Amino acid sequence: MAWIRTIPPAAADGVLKRVYDAALERAGKIWNVISIQSLRPETVEASTDLYLEVMQSPRSPLSRAQREMIATAVSRVNRCGY
């Protein structure tokens, strides 16, 4: 298994602390997909913003359930655990 250095929540500050705090508020935890980007806080912030826009924007013609079903199907085809 690969090992990636991450910044733990207790050591986060600035942009990363804001991203971690928002992740905790949304999900109650910080998922690996967030923490593995922690060495590049601006990148994880942009990645999270894109995810939220794609998956939760009220401007989408698709329902949240439809978007989740598409994401699940794509993950299954790609054999991705997420």
C-alpha atoms as a PDB file:
ATOM      1  CA  MET A   1       0.000   0.000   0.000  1.00  0.00           C
ATOM      2  CA  ALA A   2       1.228   3.479  -0.836  1.00  0.00           C
ATOM      3  CA  TRP A   3       2.068   5.947   1.897  1.00  0.00           C
ATOM      4  CA  ILE A   4       1.408   9.645   1.436  1.00  0.00           C
ATOM      5  CA  ARG A   5       2.492  12.262   3.978  1.00  0.00           C
ATOM      6  CA  THR A   6      -0.450  14.335   5.169  1.00  0.00           C
ATOM      7  CA  ILE A   7      -1.004  17.225   7.528  1.00  0.00           C
ATOM      8  CA  PRO A   8      -3.202  16.139  10.457  1.00  0.00           C
ATOM      9  CA  PRO A   9      -6.137  18.353  11.487  1.00  0.00           C
ATOM     10  CA  ALA A  10      -4.407  19.482  14.684  1.00  0.00           C
ATOM     11  CA  ALA A  11      -1.507  20.907  12.644  1.00  0.00           C
ATOM     12  CA  ALA A  12      -3.622  22.574   9.959  1.00  0.00           C
ATOM     13  CA  ASP A  13      -3.787  26.331   9.639  1.00  0.00           C
ATOM     14  CA  GLY A  14      -4.955  28.912   7.106  1.00  0.00           C
ATOM     15  CA  VAL A  15      -6.651  27.516   3.999  1.00  0.00           C
ATOM     16  CA  LEU A  16      -6.162  23.902   5.073  1.00  0.00           C
ATOM     17  CA  LYS A  17      -7.767  24.493   8.462  1.00  0.00           C
ATOM     18  CA  ARG A  18     -10.739  26.111   6.711  1.00  0.00           C
ATOM     19  CA  VAL A  19     -11.033  23.115   4.340  1.00  0.00           C
ATOM     20  CA  TYR A  20     -10.745  20.608   7.195  1.00  0.00           C
ATOM     21  CA  ASP A  21     -13.287  22.471   9.320  1.00  0.00           C
ATOM     22  CA  ALA A  22     -15.751  22.582   6.411  1.00  0.00           C
ATOM     23  CA  ALA A  23     -15.217  18.864   5.753  1.00  0.00           C
ATOM     24  CA  LEU A  24     -15.921  18.055   9.398  1.00  0.00           C
ATOM     25  CA  GLU A  25     -19.054  20.194   9.284  1.00  0.00           C
ATOM     26  CA  ARG A  26     -20.308  18.468   6.107  1.00  0.00           C
ATOM     27  CA  ALA A  27     -19.389  14.862   6.789  1.00  0.00           C
ATOM     28  CA  GLY A  28     -18.371  14.576  10.424  1.00  0.00           C
ATOM     29  CA  LYS A  29     -14.915  13.393   9.347  1.00  0.00           C
ATOM     30  CA  ILE A  30     -12.088  14.195   6.974  1.00  0.00           C
ATOM     31  CA  TRP A  31     -12.102  11.662   4.152  1.00  0.00           C
ATOM     32  CA  ASN A  32      -8.793  10.382   2.737  1.00  0.00           C
ATOM     33  CA  VAL A  33      -9.477  12.092  -0.595  1.00  0.00           C
ATOM     34  CA  ILE A  34      -9.212  15.398   1.304  1.00  0.00           C
ATOM     35  CA  SER A  35      -6.274  14.599   3.589  1.00  0.00           C
ATOM     36  CA  ILE A  36      -4.049  13.208   0.819  1.00  0.00           C
ATOM     37  CA  GLN A  37      -4.126  16.655  -0.786  1.00  0.00           C
ATOM     38  CA  SER A  38      -3.232  18.447   2.448  1.00  0.00           C
ATOM     39  CA  LEU A  39       0.286  19.414   1.379  1.00  0.00           C
ATOM     40  CA  ARG A  40      -1.330  21.596  -1.305  1.00  0.00           C
ATOM     41  CA  PRO A  41      -4.122  23.470   0.526  1.00  0.00           C
ATOM     42  CA  GLU A  42      -5.096  25.641  -2.444  1.00  0.00           C
ATOM     43  CA  THR A  43      -5.435  22.513  -4.583  1.00  0.00           C
ATOM     44  CA  VAL A  44      -7.642  20.699  -2.070  1.00  0.00           C
ATOM     45  CA  GLU A  45      -9.761  23.832  -1.708  1.00  0.00           C
ATOM     46  CA  ALA A  46     -10.264  24.058  -5.496  1.00  0.00           C
ATOM     47  CA  SER A  47     -10.925  20.310  -5.717  1.00  0.00           C
ATOM     48  CA  THR A  48     -13.525  20.505  -2.955  1.00  0.00           C
ATOM     49  CA  ASP A  49     -15.189  23.530  -4.554  1.00  0.00           C
ATOM     50  CA  LEU A  50     -15.433  21.664  -7.877  1.00  0.00           C
ATOM     51  CA  TYR A  51     -16.871  18.558  -6.187  1.00  0.00           C
ATOM     52  CA  LEU A  52     -19.484  20.613  -4.345  1.00  0.00           C
ATOM     53  CA  GLU A  53     -20.463  22.464  -7.519  1.00  0.00           C
ATOM     54  CA  VAL A  54     -20.834  19.236  -9.505  1.00  0.00           C
ATOM     55  CA  MET A  55     -22.565  17.197  -6.810  1.00  0.00           C
ATOM     56  CA  GLN A  56     -24.595  19.718  -4.805  1.00  0.00           C
ATOM     57  CA  SER A  57     -25.332  22.748  -6.974  1.00  0.00           C
ATOM     58  CA  PRO A  58     -29.051  23.572  -7.103  1.00  0.00           C
ATOM     59  CA  ARG A  59     -28.501  24.843 -10.661  1.00  0.00           C
ATOM     60  CA  SER A  60     -28.025  21.306 -12.044  1.00  0.00           C
ATOM     61  CA  PRO A  61     -30.864  19.810 -14.087  1.00  0.00           C
ATOM     62  CA  LEU A  62     -30.141  16.496 -12.332  1.00  0.00           C
ATOM     63  CA  SER A  63     -31.295  15.673  -8.835  1.00  0.00           C
ATOM     64  CA  ARG A  64     -28.741  14.946  -6.138  1.00  0.00           C
ATOM     65  CA  ALA A  65     -29.844  11.291  -6.228  1.00  0.00           C
ATOM     66  CA  GLN A  66     -29.243  11.116  -9.989  1.00  0.00           C
ATOM     67  CA  ARG A  67     -25.774  12.630  -9.611  1.00  0.00           C
ATOM     68  CA  GLU A  68     -24.932  10.150  -6.840  1.00  0.00           C
ATOM     69  CA  MET A  69     -26.162   7.243  -8.991  1.00  0.00           C
ATOM     70  CA  ILE A  70     -23.939   8.381 -11.873  1.00  0.00           C
ATOM     71  CA  ALA A  71     -20.951   8.730  -9.548  1.00  0.00           C
ATOM     72  CA  THR A  72     -21.599   5.267  -8.111  1.00  0.00           C
ATOM     73  CA  ALA A  73     -21.876   3.692 -11.568  1.00  0.00           C
ATOM     74  CA  VAL A  74     -18.654   5.345 -12.753  1.00  0.00           C
ATOM     75  CA  SER A  75     -16.823   4.259  -9.585  1.00  0.00           C
ATOM     76  CA  ARG A  76     -18.062   0.697 -10.062  1.00  0.00           C
ATOM     77  CA  VAL A  77     -16.891   0.584 -13.692  1.00  0.00           C
ATOM     78  CA  ASN A  78     -13.509   1.976 -12.602  1.00  0.00           C
ATOM     79  CA  ARG A  79     -13.335  -0.446  -9.643  1.00  0.00           C
ATOM     80  CA  CYS A  80     -12.950   2.499  -7.277  1.00  0.00           C
ATOM     81  CA  GLY A  81     -13.917   2.083  -3.629  1.00  0.00           C
ATOM     82  CA  TYR A  82     -15.080   5.676  -3.415  1.00  0.00           C
END
